[in-house]
N, C-alpha and C. Protein backbone atom coordinates (compact mmCIF):
# COMPACT_ATOMS: atom_id res chain seq x y z
N UNK A 1 105.85 147.00 102.03
CA UNK A 1 105.05 147.89 102.83
C UNK A 1 103.78 147.18 103.32
N UNK A 2 103.08 146.48 102.40
CA UNK A 2 101.84 145.79 102.77
C UNK A 2 102.14 144.67 103.76
N UNK A 3 103.24 143.94 103.54
CA UNK A 3 103.61 142.86 104.45
C UNK A 3 103.92 143.39 105.85
N UNK A 4 104.56 144.54 105.90
CA UNK A 4 104.89 145.14 107.19
C UNK A 4 103.62 145.52 107.96
N UNK A 5 102.66 146.09 107.24
CA UNK A 5 101.40 146.48 107.87
C UNK A 5 100.62 145.23 108.30
N UNK A 6 100.64 144.19 107.45
CA UNK A 6 99.93 142.95 107.79
C UNK A 6 100.55 142.29 109.01
N UNK A 7 101.88 142.27 109.08
CA UNK A 7 102.57 141.66 110.22
C UNK A 7 102.22 142.40 111.53
N UNK A 8 102.18 143.69 111.48
CA UNK A 8 101.82 144.48 112.67
C UNK A 8 100.37 144.22 113.07
N UNK A 9 99.51 144.08 112.07
CA UNK A 9 98.09 143.84 112.35
C UNK A 9 97.89 142.47 113.00
N UNK A 10 98.68 141.48 112.56
CA UNK A 10 98.57 140.15 113.16
C UNK A 10 98.89 140.21 114.64
N UNK A 11 99.96 140.91 115.01
CA UNK A 11 100.40 140.91 116.40
C UNK A 11 99.82 142.06 117.23
N UNK A 12 98.86 142.77 116.67
CA UNK A 12 98.19 143.83 117.43
C UNK A 12 97.40 143.21 118.59
N UNK A 13 96.74 142.11 118.32
CA UNK A 13 96.01 141.39 119.36
C UNK A 13 96.66 140.00 119.49
N UNK A 14 97.63 139.88 120.37
CA UNK A 14 98.43 138.67 120.50
C UNK A 14 97.58 137.46 120.88
N UNK A 15 96.67 137.62 121.80
CA UNK A 15 95.85 136.50 122.26
C UNK A 15 95.02 135.92 121.13
N UNK A 16 94.41 136.77 120.32
CA UNK A 16 93.63 136.30 119.18
C UNK A 16 94.51 135.54 118.19
N UNK A 17 95.69 136.05 117.90
CA UNK A 17 96.58 135.41 116.94
C UNK A 17 97.07 134.06 117.44
N UNK A 18 97.42 133.98 118.73
CA UNK A 18 97.87 132.71 119.29
C UNK A 18 96.73 131.70 119.32
N UNK A 19 95.53 132.16 119.67
CA UNK A 19 94.36 131.28 119.70
C UNK A 19 94.04 130.72 118.32
N UNK A 20 94.11 131.55 117.31
CA UNK A 20 93.82 131.09 115.94
C UNK A 20 94.91 130.12 115.47
N UNK A 21 96.18 130.42 115.75
CA UNK A 21 97.26 129.52 115.35
C UNK A 21 97.12 128.17 116.07
N UNK A 22 96.77 128.21 117.34
CA UNK A 22 96.57 126.98 118.10
C UNK A 22 95.38 126.19 117.57
N UNK A 23 94.31 126.87 117.22
CA UNK A 23 93.13 126.21 116.66
C UNK A 23 93.45 125.52 115.33
N UNK A 24 94.21 126.19 114.49
CA UNK A 24 94.60 125.59 113.21
C UNK A 24 95.48 124.36 113.45
N UNK A 25 96.42 124.46 114.39
CA UNK A 25 97.31 123.33 114.68
C UNK A 25 96.52 122.13 115.21
N UNK A 26 95.60 122.38 116.14
CA UNK A 26 94.79 121.29 116.69
C UNK A 26 93.89 120.68 115.61
N UNK A 27 93.33 121.51 114.77
CA UNK A 27 92.49 121.01 113.68
C UNK A 27 93.27 120.15 112.70
N UNK A 28 94.47 120.58 112.34
CA UNK A 28 95.30 119.77 111.46
C UNK A 28 95.68 118.44 112.11
N UNK A 29 96.05 118.49 113.41
CA UNK A 29 96.40 117.27 114.11
C UNK A 29 95.21 116.32 114.17
N UNK A 30 94.02 116.84 114.48
CA UNK A 30 92.83 116.00 114.57
C UNK A 30 92.49 115.38 113.21
N UNK A 31 92.65 116.15 112.15
CA UNK A 31 92.39 115.60 110.81
C UNK A 31 93.36 114.49 110.46
N UNK A 32 94.64 114.70 110.76
CA UNK A 32 95.64 113.66 110.47
C UNK A 32 95.40 112.42 111.34
N UNK A 33 95.01 112.62 112.60
CA UNK A 33 94.73 111.49 113.48
C UNK A 33 93.54 110.69 112.97
N UNK A 34 92.46 111.36 112.60
CA UNK A 34 91.27 110.66 112.11
C UNK A 34 91.56 109.92 110.81
N UNK A 35 92.33 110.54 109.93
CA UNK A 35 92.67 109.89 108.67
C UNK A 35 93.54 108.66 108.90
N UNK A 36 94.55 108.78 109.74
CA UNK A 36 95.43 107.64 109.98
C UNK A 36 94.70 106.54 110.75
N UNK A 37 93.80 106.89 111.66
CA UNK A 37 93.03 105.90 112.38
C UNK A 37 92.12 105.12 111.44
N UNK A 38 91.43 105.82 110.54
CA UNK A 38 90.54 105.14 109.60
C UNK A 38 91.34 104.31 108.60
N UNK A 39 92.51 104.79 108.19
CA UNK A 39 93.36 104.02 107.28
C UNK A 39 93.84 102.73 107.96
N UNK A 40 94.18 102.82 109.25
CA UNK A 40 94.58 101.62 109.99
C UNK A 40 93.45 100.61 110.10
N UNK A 41 92.24 101.09 110.36
CA UNK A 41 91.07 100.20 110.41
C UNK A 41 90.84 99.53 109.05
N UNK A 42 90.99 100.29 107.99
CA UNK A 42 90.81 99.78 106.63
C UNK A 42 91.82 98.67 106.33
N UNK A 43 93.10 98.93 106.63
CA UNK A 43 94.15 97.94 106.37
C UNK A 43 93.93 96.68 107.22
N UNK A 44 93.55 96.84 108.46
CA UNK A 44 93.31 95.70 109.34
C UNK A 44 92.12 94.87 108.86
N UNK A 45 91.09 95.54 108.36
CA UNK A 45 89.93 94.83 107.83
C UNK A 45 90.32 94.00 106.61
N UNK A 46 91.12 94.54 105.73
CA UNK A 46 91.57 93.79 104.56
C UNK A 46 92.41 92.59 104.99
N UNK A 47 93.36 92.80 105.93
CA UNK A 47 94.22 91.71 106.38
C UNK A 47 93.40 90.60 107.04
N UNK A 48 92.45 90.98 107.88
CA UNK A 48 91.62 89.99 108.55
C UNK A 48 90.75 89.23 107.55
N UNK A 49 90.20 89.92 106.58
CA UNK A 49 89.38 89.26 105.57
C UNK A 49 90.17 88.24 104.77
N UNK A 50 91.38 88.60 104.40
CA UNK A 50 92.23 87.68 103.63
C UNK A 50 92.60 86.47 104.47
N UNK A 51 92.97 86.69 105.72
CA UNK A 51 93.42 85.58 106.55
C UNK A 51 92.30 84.65 107.00
N UNK A 52 91.10 85.16 107.20
CA UNK A 52 90.04 84.32 107.75
C UNK A 52 88.99 83.87 106.73
N UNK A 53 88.76 84.63 105.69
CA UNK A 53 87.67 84.29 104.78
C UNK A 53 88.13 83.98 103.35
N UNK A 54 88.85 84.91 102.75
CA UNK A 54 89.10 84.82 101.32
C UNK A 54 90.34 84.03 100.95
N UNK A 55 91.41 84.19 101.66
CA UNK A 55 92.75 83.69 101.39
C UNK A 55 93.37 84.49 100.24
N UNK A 56 94.62 84.26 100.01
CA UNK A 56 95.32 85.03 98.99
C UNK A 56 94.96 84.54 97.58
N UNK A 57 94.76 83.26 97.43
CA UNK A 57 94.44 82.70 96.11
C UNK A 57 93.29 81.72 96.27
N UNK A 58 92.36 81.75 95.34
CA UNK A 58 91.29 80.77 95.29
C UNK A 58 91.26 80.14 93.92
N UNK A 59 91.11 78.84 93.89
CA UNK A 59 91.00 78.11 92.62
C UNK A 59 89.63 77.45 92.62
N UNK A 60 88.83 77.78 91.62
CA UNK A 60 87.50 77.19 91.52
C UNK A 60 87.05 77.17 90.08
N UNK A 61 85.95 76.47 89.84
CA UNK A 61 85.36 76.40 88.51
C UNK A 61 84.97 77.80 88.06
N UNK A 62 85.21 78.15 86.78
CA UNK A 62 84.91 79.52 86.32
C UNK A 62 83.45 79.95 86.50
N UNK A 63 82.50 79.02 86.44
CA UNK A 63 81.10 79.41 86.58
C UNK A 63 80.62 79.36 88.03
N UNK A 64 81.48 78.97 88.97
CA UNK A 64 81.06 78.85 90.36
C UNK A 64 80.63 80.17 91.00
N UNK A 65 81.35 81.30 90.82
CA UNK A 65 80.93 82.54 91.50
C UNK A 65 79.52 83.00 91.14
N UNK A 66 79.06 82.71 89.95
CA UNK A 66 77.73 83.16 89.56
C UNK A 66 76.64 82.20 90.05
N UNK A 67 76.94 80.90 90.12
CA UNK A 67 75.93 79.92 90.49
C UNK A 67 75.97 79.50 91.95
N UNK A 68 77.16 79.40 92.53
CA UNK A 68 77.37 78.85 93.87
C UNK A 68 76.77 77.46 94.01
N UNK A 69 76.81 76.70 92.91
CA UNK A 69 76.27 75.35 92.92
C UNK A 69 77.32 74.37 93.44
N UNK A 70 76.97 73.49 94.39
CA UNK A 70 77.96 72.57 94.97
C UNK A 70 78.50 71.55 93.97
N UNK A 71 77.77 71.29 92.89
CA UNK A 71 78.26 70.30 91.92
C UNK A 71 79.38 70.86 91.03
N UNK A 72 79.66 72.16 91.11
CA UNK A 72 80.73 72.76 90.33
C UNK A 72 82.06 72.63 91.09
N UNK A 73 82.54 71.41 91.21
CA UNK A 73 83.79 71.16 91.92
C UNK A 73 84.91 70.93 90.92
N UNK A 74 86.13 70.99 91.41
CA UNK A 74 87.30 70.72 90.57
C UNK A 74 87.51 69.21 90.57
N UNK A 75 87.63 68.63 89.38
CA UNK A 75 87.68 67.18 89.23
C UNK A 75 88.88 66.57 89.96
N UNK A 76 90.05 67.14 89.81
CA UNK A 76 91.26 66.58 90.43
C UNK A 76 91.69 67.46 91.60
N UNK A 77 90.77 67.77 92.47
CA UNK A 77 91.02 68.71 93.56
C UNK A 77 92.08 68.25 94.54
N UNK A 78 92.06 66.97 94.92
CA UNK A 78 93.02 66.47 95.90
C UNK A 78 94.44 66.47 95.33
N UNK A 79 94.60 66.08 94.08
CA UNK A 79 95.95 66.08 93.47
C UNK A 79 96.46 67.52 93.30
N UNK A 80 95.57 68.43 92.98
CA UNK A 80 95.96 69.83 92.86
C UNK A 80 96.37 70.40 94.22
N UNK A 81 95.64 70.04 95.26
CA UNK A 81 95.99 70.47 96.61
C UNK A 81 97.35 69.93 97.03
N UNK A 82 97.60 68.66 96.72
CA UNK A 82 98.90 68.05 97.06
C UNK A 82 100.04 68.72 96.30
N UNK A 83 99.81 69.06 95.04
CA UNK A 83 100.84 69.72 94.22
C UNK A 83 101.17 71.11 94.77
N UNK A 84 100.16 71.84 95.15
CA UNK A 84 100.38 73.18 95.72
C UNK A 84 101.08 73.08 97.06
N UNK A 85 100.74 72.08 97.86
CA UNK A 85 101.33 71.90 99.18
C UNK A 85 102.84 71.63 99.08
N UNK A 86 103.31 71.04 97.98
CA UNK A 86 104.74 70.75 97.80
C UNK A 86 105.58 72.01 97.59
N UNK A 87 104.96 73.11 97.17
CA UNK A 87 105.69 74.36 96.92
C UNK A 87 106.18 74.94 98.24
N UNK A 88 107.46 75.26 98.31
CA UNK A 88 108.08 75.77 99.54
C UNK A 88 107.57 77.18 99.92
N UNK A 89 107.09 77.95 98.96
CA UNK A 89 106.63 79.31 99.23
C UNK A 89 105.21 79.36 99.82
N UNK A 90 104.52 78.25 99.77
CA UNK A 90 103.13 78.21 100.25
C UNK A 90 103.13 77.81 101.72
N UNK A 91 102.47 78.59 102.55
CA UNK A 91 102.45 78.29 103.99
C UNK A 91 101.28 77.40 104.39
N UNK A 92 100.21 77.38 103.62
CA UNK A 92 99.08 76.54 103.97
C UNK A 92 98.13 76.37 102.80
N UNK A 93 97.52 75.19 102.72
CA UNK A 93 96.57 74.88 101.66
C UNK A 93 95.39 74.18 102.32
N UNK A 94 94.19 74.53 101.90
CA UNK A 94 93.01 73.82 102.40
C UNK A 94 91.95 73.79 101.32
N UNK A 95 91.22 72.70 101.30
CA UNK A 95 90.08 72.59 100.40
C UNK A 95 88.85 73.08 101.17
N UNK A 96 88.03 73.88 100.54
CA UNK A 96 86.86 74.44 101.21
C UNK A 96 85.60 74.12 100.43
N UNK A 97 84.53 74.03 101.16
CA UNK A 97 83.22 73.88 100.55
C UNK A 97 82.44 75.14 100.88
N UNK A 98 81.93 75.81 99.85
CA UNK A 98 81.14 77.01 100.04
C UNK A 98 79.72 76.72 99.56
N UNK A 99 78.78 76.97 100.41
CA UNK A 99 77.38 76.75 100.02
C UNK A 99 76.52 77.76 100.78
N UNK A 100 75.33 77.91 100.32
CA UNK A 100 74.40 78.79 101.03
C UNK A 100 73.25 77.93 101.57
N UNK A 101 72.75 78.28 102.75
CA UNK A 101 71.69 77.50 103.36
C UNK A 101 70.80 78.43 104.18
N UNK A 102 69.64 77.92 104.54
CA UNK A 102 68.74 78.68 105.39
C UNK A 102 68.20 77.72 106.46
N UNK A 103 68.20 78.18 107.68
CA UNK A 103 67.67 77.38 108.78
C UNK A 103 66.33 77.97 109.19
N UNK A 104 65.36 77.10 109.33
CA UNK A 104 64.04 77.53 109.75
C UNK A 104 63.70 76.83 111.05
N UNK A 105 63.34 77.59 112.03
CA UNK A 105 63.04 77.03 113.35
C UNK A 105 61.73 77.62 113.86
N UNK A 106 60.92 76.81 114.57
CA UNK A 106 59.63 77.34 115.05
C UNK A 106 59.78 78.39 116.12
């Protein structure tokens, strides 16, 4: 009985009911679009960071991240690079130097 009365009340003013249903549909679509757009930006940012800055794997001295001192190098770095390069699953290997600097100009 209550459902029957509610159903009649919904369709008493058809324009209002259609407008509200359309508003809900557009709101849901906009929310899903914004979420998927931001998720795509997030995934692209991670992919770009890995490919251009971080790489998938980094090998360094254990105390290097805290000090960033250039003297904390790997002793047998070239032989380690050559060994990794021989692996068929590895697409690229490079030795990098990370340091911090400041430029002062007049």
